[in-house]
Structure formats: C-alpha cells, structure tokens
Protein backbone atom coordinates (compact mmCIF):
# COMPACT_ATOMS: atom_id res chain seq x y z
CA UNK A 1 24.62 30.40 -14.05
CA UNK A 2 23.91 32.23 -10.85
CA UNK A 3 21.97 31.19 -7.76
CA UNK A 4 18.61 32.43 -9.09
CA UNK A 5 19.06 30.76 -12.49
CA UNK A 6 19.95 27.44 -10.87
CA UNK A 7 16.96 27.65 -8.55
CA UNK A 8 14.62 28.48 -11.45
CA UNK A 9 16.01 25.60 -13.52
CA UNK A 10 15.65 23.17 -10.61
CA UNK A 11 12.09 24.17 -9.74
CA UNK A 12 11.00 23.89 -13.38
CA UNK A 13 12.52 20.39 -13.61
CA UNK A 14 10.81 18.65 -10.70
CA UNK A 15 12.93 19.84 -7.79
CA UNK A 16 11.20 21.34 -4.77
CA UNK A 17 12.47 23.36 -1.86
CA UNK A 18 12.91 21.17 1.23
CA UNK A 19 14.86 22.36 4.23
CA UNK A 20 15.78 25.55 2.37
CA UNK A 21 17.45 23.74 -0.57
CA UNK A 22 16.22 22.72 -4.01
CA UNK A 23 15.79 18.97 -3.51
CA UNK A 24 14.59 15.76 -5.10
CA UNK A 25 12.60 13.27 -3.04
CA UNK A 26 12.54 9.51 -3.31
CA UNK A 27 9.38 8.22 -4.99
CA UNK A 28 8.36 6.07 -2.02
CA UNK A 29 8.84 8.89 0.51
CA UNK A 30 7.89 12.17 -1.21
CA UNK A 31 8.50 14.25 1.93
CA UNK A 32 12.11 13.05 2.35
CA UNK A 33 14.85 14.68 0.26
CA UNK A 34 17.49 12.36 -1.18
CA UNK A 35 19.37 14.78 -3.50
CA UNK A 36 19.84 18.50 -2.92
CA UNK A 37 21.59 21.56 -4.29
CA UNK A 38 23.26 23.63 -1.59
CA UNK A 39 23.49 27.17 -2.94
CA UNK A 40 26.14 29.13 -1.07
CA UNK A 41 27.46 32.65 -1.71
CA UNK A 42 30.04 31.71 -4.36
CA UNK A 43 29.61 27.97 -4.96
CA UNK A 44 26.91 25.38 -5.50
CA UNK A 45 27.24 21.85 -4.14
CA UNK A 46 25.37 18.72 -5.21
CA UNK A 47 24.75 16.41 -2.26
CA UNK A 48 23.22 12.95 -1.96
CA UNK A 49 21.84 11.50 1.25
CA UNK A 50 23.49 8.28 2.38
CA UNK A 51 21.43 5.45 3.92
CA UNK A 52 22.85 6.50 7.30
CA UNK A 53 21.12 9.88 6.91
CA UNK A 54 24.31 11.88 6.41
CA UNK A 55 24.66 14.16 3.37
CA UNK A 56 27.58 13.36 1.06
CA UNK A 57 28.92 16.09 -1.25
CA UNK A 58 29.21 14.61 -4.75
CA UNK A 59 30.31 17.74 -6.60
CA UNK A 60 30.93 21.41 -6.03
CA UNK A 61 31.61 24.27 -8.42
CA UNK A 62 31.72 28.04 -8.57
CA UNK A 63 28.66 29.56 -10.21
CA UNK A 64 30.81 30.76 -13.11
CA UNK A 65 31.74 27.14 -13.91
CA UNK A 66 28.12 25.96 -14.10
CA UNK A 67 26.72 26.39 -17.61
CA UNK A 68 23.09 25.92 -18.70
CA UNK A 69 22.22 23.12 -21.10
CA UNK A 70 20.97 24.42 -24.46
CA UNK A 71 18.18 21.83 -24.47
CA UNK A 72 16.98 22.48 -20.91
CA UNK A 73 18.71 19.45 -19.40
CA UNK A 74 20.91 19.43 -16.31
CA UNK A 75 23.50 22.22 -16.26
CA UNK A 76 27.08 21.18 -16.95
CA UNK A 77 29.86 21.73 -14.45
CA UNK A 78 28.36 19.82 -11.51
CA UNK A 79 28.61 16.32 -12.92
CA UNK A 80 24.86 15.74 -12.89
CA UNK A 81 25.04 14.03 -16.27
CA UNK A 82 27.31 11.34 -14.84
CA UNK A 83 24.97 10.37 -11.98
CA UNK A 84 22.98 7.27 -12.92
CA UNK A 85 19.29 7.60 -12.23
CA UNK A 86 19.27 11.36 -11.61
CA UNK A 87 17.27 12.15 -14.75
CA UNK A 88 14.74 9.42 -13.87
CA UNK A 89 14.46 10.78 -10.31
CA UNK A 90 13.89 14.28 -11.71
CA UNK A 91 11.20 12.93 -14.07
CA UNK A 92 9.48 11.05 -11.22
CA UNK A 93 9.47 14.18 -9.05
CA UNK A 94 8.14 16.36 -11.88
CA UNK A 95 5.41 13.82 -12.73
CA UNK A 96 4.38 13.63 -9.08
CA UNK A 97 4.07 17.44 -8.96
CA UNK A 98 2.04 17.55 -12.18
CA UNK A 99 -0.33 14.77 -11.20
CA UNK A 100 -0.74 16.11 -7.67
CA UNK A 101 -2.54 19.07 -9.24
CA UNK A 102 -4.92 16.89 -11.27
CA UNK A 103 -8.42 16.88 -9.85
CA UNK A 104 -7.88 19.92 -7.64
CA UNK A 105 -10.19 22.85 -8.29
CA UNK A 106 -8.31 25.47 -10.21
C-alpha cells in the first residue's frame, strides 16, 4: 500500500485527520487523538499517545511491507491486528462520525 491508499483506508474506517495525521480519538474526548498513523516519505509509523502526552511508536514499516486486508480490515504489516481494543476504537470513531451526521440537513 502507498500513502494515499493507507489514508483512504483509514478515513473510510473511522479515522480522521487531526494534526495532519490520520488519527483515532478516545470516545470521551473526541477532539483528542490517541492513536495516529504518521505517513512519511518511505515509511508509515503507528503511534499511541501515552498518559503523559508523549507519542510512543508501536510499529513502523516501509509502504511495500504494508498489505491491504482482503476483507477491508486493518492492513497487515503494521501489527494493528495484535493491538487489543484497536478495532473497537475504530468502530466507536466510525459510529460517532456516522451519527454526527444524523439530523443535519442534507
């Protein structure tokens, strides 16, 4: 996957751009990113925010090593599948985005 494919996957799965990075927010503080993808020129890094406020790099891989999931799930190569609670956080963020549009004039 390349930078654009990763961004498109993230945005379609509940991530939103915060501080210039595709990010997931905590349910109780929807304006504060807790997980982010840092997309650099040749590599992508998955980072999680520590309680101290510092970002901790959990995984990093070259774009060529990141492969899309055939069922639309998290791409392999970054270790997202091994992070407990990430899929639930993605679902919460996606639901919040969907329901935020309910009731707004279209």
